[in-house]
Protein backbone atom coordinates (compact mmCIF):
# COMPACT_ATOMS: atom_id res chain seq x y z
CA UNK A 1 104.91 121.62 84.43
CA UNK A 2 105.71 122.27 88.11
CA UNK A 3 102.01 122.29 89.03
CA UNK A 4 101.61 118.89 87.36
CA UNK A 5 104.50 117.60 89.46
CA UNK A 6 102.80 118.92 92.60
CA UNK A 7 99.50 117.26 91.62
CA UNK A 8 101.27 113.91 91.07
CA UNK A 9 102.95 114.18 94.46
CA UNK A 10 100.36 112.43 96.61
CA UNK A 11 100.67 110.51 99.87
CA UNK A 12 100.83 107.06 98.32
CA UNK A 13 100.07 104.10 100.56
CA UNK A 14 100.45 101.31 98.02
CA UNK A 15 103.57 100.46 96.02
CA UNK A 16 104.85 98.01 93.40
CA UNK A 17 107.27 95.95 95.48
CA UNK A 18 109.04 94.66 92.35
CA UNK A 19 110.47 98.17 91.76
CA UNK A 20 113.31 98.49 94.24
CA UNK A 21 114.63 101.92 95.16
CA UNK A 22 118.42 102.13 95.07
CA UNK A 23 120.84 103.75 97.47
CA UNK A 24 121.85 106.09 94.64
CA UNK A 25 118.26 107.27 94.19
CA UNK A 26 117.93 107.95 97.92
CA UNK A 27 121.22 109.85 97.88
CA UNK A 28 119.88 112.00 95.02
CA UNK A 29 116.72 112.78 97.01
CA UNK A 30 118.79 113.84 100.04
CA UNK A 31 121.12 115.83 97.81
CA UNK A 32 118.10 117.82 96.58
CA UNK A 33 116.90 118.29 100.17
CA UNK A 34 120.26 119.56 101.43
CA UNK A 35 120.08 122.43 98.91
CA UNK A 36 116.81 123.80 100.30
CA UNK A 37 116.31 126.72 102.66
CA UNK A 38 116.92 126.13 106.36
CA UNK A 39 115.99 128.33 109.33
CA UNK A 40 118.98 130.57 110.09
CA UNK A 41 120.81 128.18 107.73
CA UNK A 42 121.44 125.75 110.62
CA UNK A 43 120.93 122.64 108.44
CA UNK A 44 120.38 120.44 111.52
CA UNK A 45 119.27 117.24 109.77
CA UNK A 46 120.95 113.90 109.20
CA UNK A 47 119.33 111.18 107.10
CA UNK A 48 119.12 107.44 107.68
CA UNK A 49 118.72 105.65 104.35
CA UNK A 50 117.05 102.23 104.14
CA UNK A 51 116.83 100.39 100.83
CA UNK A 52 117.78 96.83 101.75
CA UNK A 53 114.78 94.60 102.44
CA UNK A 54 115.61 93.81 106.06
CA UNK A 55 116.05 97.51 106.93
CA UNK A 56 112.87 98.45 105.05
CA UNK A 57 110.85 95.70 106.77
CA UNK A 58 112.18 96.80 110.16
CA UNK A 59 111.11 100.41 109.62
CA UNK A 60 107.78 99.43 108.06
CA UNK A 61 106.93 97.45 111.21
CA UNK A 62 107.45 100.58 113.33
CA UNK A 63 105.13 102.85 111.33
CA UNK A 64 101.38 103.38 111.31
CA UNK A 65 99.71 104.64 108.14
CA UNK A 66 96.47 106.42 107.21
CA UNK A 67 95.18 107.33 110.66
CA UNK A 68 91.95 108.66 109.10
CA UNK A 69 91.16 105.12 107.87
CA UNK A 70 91.47 103.04 111.08
CA UNK A 71 89.38 100.23 109.57
CA UNK A 72 92.14 99.56 107.00
CA UNK A 73 95.66 98.25 107.33
CA UNK A 74 97.73 100.23 104.88
CA UNK A 75 99.81 99.59 102.96
CA UNK A 76 98.11 96.34 101.95
CA UNK A 77 100.21 93.20 102.14
CA UNK A 78 102.43 92.98 99.06
CA UNK A 79 102.25 96.76 98.48
CA UNK A 80 104.85 98.06 100.92
CA UNK A 81 107.37 100.77 100.07
CA UNK A 82 110.81 99.60 99.00
CA UNK A 83 112.82 102.32 100.76
CA UNK A 84 112.67 104.80 103.61
CA UNK A 85 114.53 107.92 104.64
CA UNK A 86 114.39 108.75 108.35
CA UNK A 87 114.91 112.49 108.85
CA UNK A 88 116.73 113.07 112.13
CA UNK A 89 117.63 116.26 113.90
CA UNK A 90 121.19 116.47 115.16
CA UNK A 91 120.81 118.20 118.53
CA UNK A 92 124.54 118.99 118.56
CA UNK A 93 123.84 121.35 115.66
CA UNK A 94 120.53 122.76 116.93
CA UNK A 95 118.43 121.85 119.95
CA UNK A 96 115.08 123.46 119.13
CA UNK A 97 112.53 121.91 116.80
CA UNK A 98 112.91 122.78 113.13
CA UNK A 99 109.47 121.57 112.10
CA UNK A 100 109.01 123.80 109.07
CA UNK A 101 112.42 122.71 107.83
CA UNK A 102 111.35 119.05 108.13
CA UNK A 103 108.41 119.77 105.83
CA UNK A 104 110.64 121.58 103.36
CA UNK A 105 113.16 118.75 103.05
CA UNK A 106 110.52 116.00 103.00
CA UNK A 107 108.48 117.72 100.29
CA UNK A 108 111.62 118.35 98.26
CA UNK A 109 112.60 114.68 98.43
CA UNK A 110 109.09 113.60 97.44
CA UNK A 111 109.02 116.01 94.49
CA UNK A 112 112.39 114.62 93.38
CA UNK A 113 110.92 111.11 93.60
CA UNK A 114 107.83 112.06 91.59
CA UNK A 115 110.08 113.63 88.97
CA UNK A 116 111.64 110.16 88.56
CA UNK A 117 108.27 108.38 88.23
CA UNK A 118 108.27 107.31 91.87
CA UNK A 119 106.32 108.47 94.90
CA UNK A 120 106.11 108.27 98.64
CA UNK A 121 104.46 109.24 101.86
CA UNK A 122 105.46 111.28 104.92
CA UNK A 123 104.88 109.28 108.09
CA UNK A 124 104.71 110.97 111.45
CA UNK A 125 102.96 108.16 113.29
CA UNK A 126 105.85 106.25 114.90
CA UNK A 127 107.74 106.14 118.19
CA UNK A 128 110.93 108.21 117.82
CA UNK A 129 112.53 106.36 120.75
CA UNK A 130 111.75 102.93 119.26
CA UNK A 131 113.08 103.97 115.85
CA UNK A 132 116.20 105.48 117.39
CA UNK A 133 116.90 102.29 119.35
CA UNK A 134 116.12 99.90 116.48
CA UNK A 135 118.34 101.78 114.03
CA UNK A 136 121.16 102.25 116.55
CA UNK A 137 121.15 106.03 116.14
CA UNK A 138 123.54 108.17 118.18
CA UNK A 139 122.20 109.94 121.26
CA UNK A 140 122.18 113.36 119.56
CA UNK A 141 119.99 112.15 116.66
CA UNK A 142 116.23 112.47 117.09
CA UNK A 143 113.97 110.95 114.40
CA UNK A 144 111.43 113.61 113.36
CA UNK A 145 109.79 112.16 110.25
CA UNK A 146 109.94 108.99 108.17
CA UNK A 147 109.49 109.24 104.41
CA UNK A 148 108.52 106.10 102.48
CA UNK A 149 109.45 105.67 98.81
CA UNK A 150 108.46 103.33 96.02
CA UNK A 151 106.72 103.08 92.69
CA UNK A 152 103.06 103.98 93.31
CA UNK A 153 100.64 101.13 92.67
CA UNK A 154 97.37 102.76 93.60
CA UNK A 155 95.06 105.44 92.27
CA UNK A 156 94.80 108.71 94.18
CA UNK A 157 92.17 111.22 93.03
CA UNK A 158 91.97 114.87 94.04
CA UNK A 159 88.40 116.09 94.55
CA UNK A 160 86.85 119.32 95.78
CA UNK A 161 85.66 119.57 99.36
CA UNK A 162 81.92 119.02 99.33
CA UNK A 163 79.09 121.07 100.80
CA UNK A 164 79.64 119.35 104.16
CA UNK A 165 83.14 120.89 104.40
CA UNK A 166 84.79 117.56 105.24
CA UNK A 167 88.43 117.19 104.22
CA UNK A 168 89.00 113.62 105.43
CA UNK A 169 90.40 111.35 102.75
CA UNK A 170 88.53 108.14 101.96
CA UNK A 171 88.56 105.04 99.75
CA UNK A 172 85.83 103.60 97.59
CA UNK A 173 84.89 99.94 97.06
CA UNK A 174 87.64 99.68 94.39
CA UNK A 175 90.29 100.92 96.85
CA UNK A 176 90.65 104.23 94.97
CA UNK A 177 91.94 106.85 97.40
CA UNK A 178 90.14 110.25 97.30
CA UNK A 179 91.66 113.43 98.72
CA UNK A 180 89.27 116.40 99.08
CA UNK A 181 90.94 119.78 98.51
CA UNK A 182 89.52 123.20 99.35
CA UNK A 183 88.83 125.47 96.38
CA UNK A 184 91.27 128.33 95.75
CA UNK A 185 88.55 130.95 96.26
CA UNK A 186 87.76 129.46 99.68
CA UNK A 187 91.28 129.88 101.05
CA UNK A 188 92.20 133.35 99.88
CA UNK A 189 91.64 136.07 102.51
């Protein structure tokens, strides 16, 4: 059951905009994240929740998606996420980067979303300073990662890495998103 949840947790870049994410759902995702492990148990993160359309549109405009597909503008018009969580580090709690912790909390939130029939995408391609200014974040808060949420409205297919060894994701003529994964036997030392 858990492995199925992991397989369904893809980086979705197309959403059903009619399915709005609520503040309560975002709070539940953060509540799951706050229970995870943290380096030396510092728990240095604060979370900016955006579920109202104007906030969501503002954050969407500051993000860039699918860097491996520069010929496409994703998400497509009419398929934007309906919520975001901006993961910020509170430098008053801890100054150094807690990058592995960011991955832990983001993945936990996304798994919680998938468990509810939703999905999302981690977005690292944004200007932290621009996001900080636009959202009016306090000086000690540094945006590290933005996580988009919504009801997935696209097909994502896992495939094996081919003979050429390329792992870059791609889309076919029907806009199906393919994600090559290395075989288990190729990654075990």
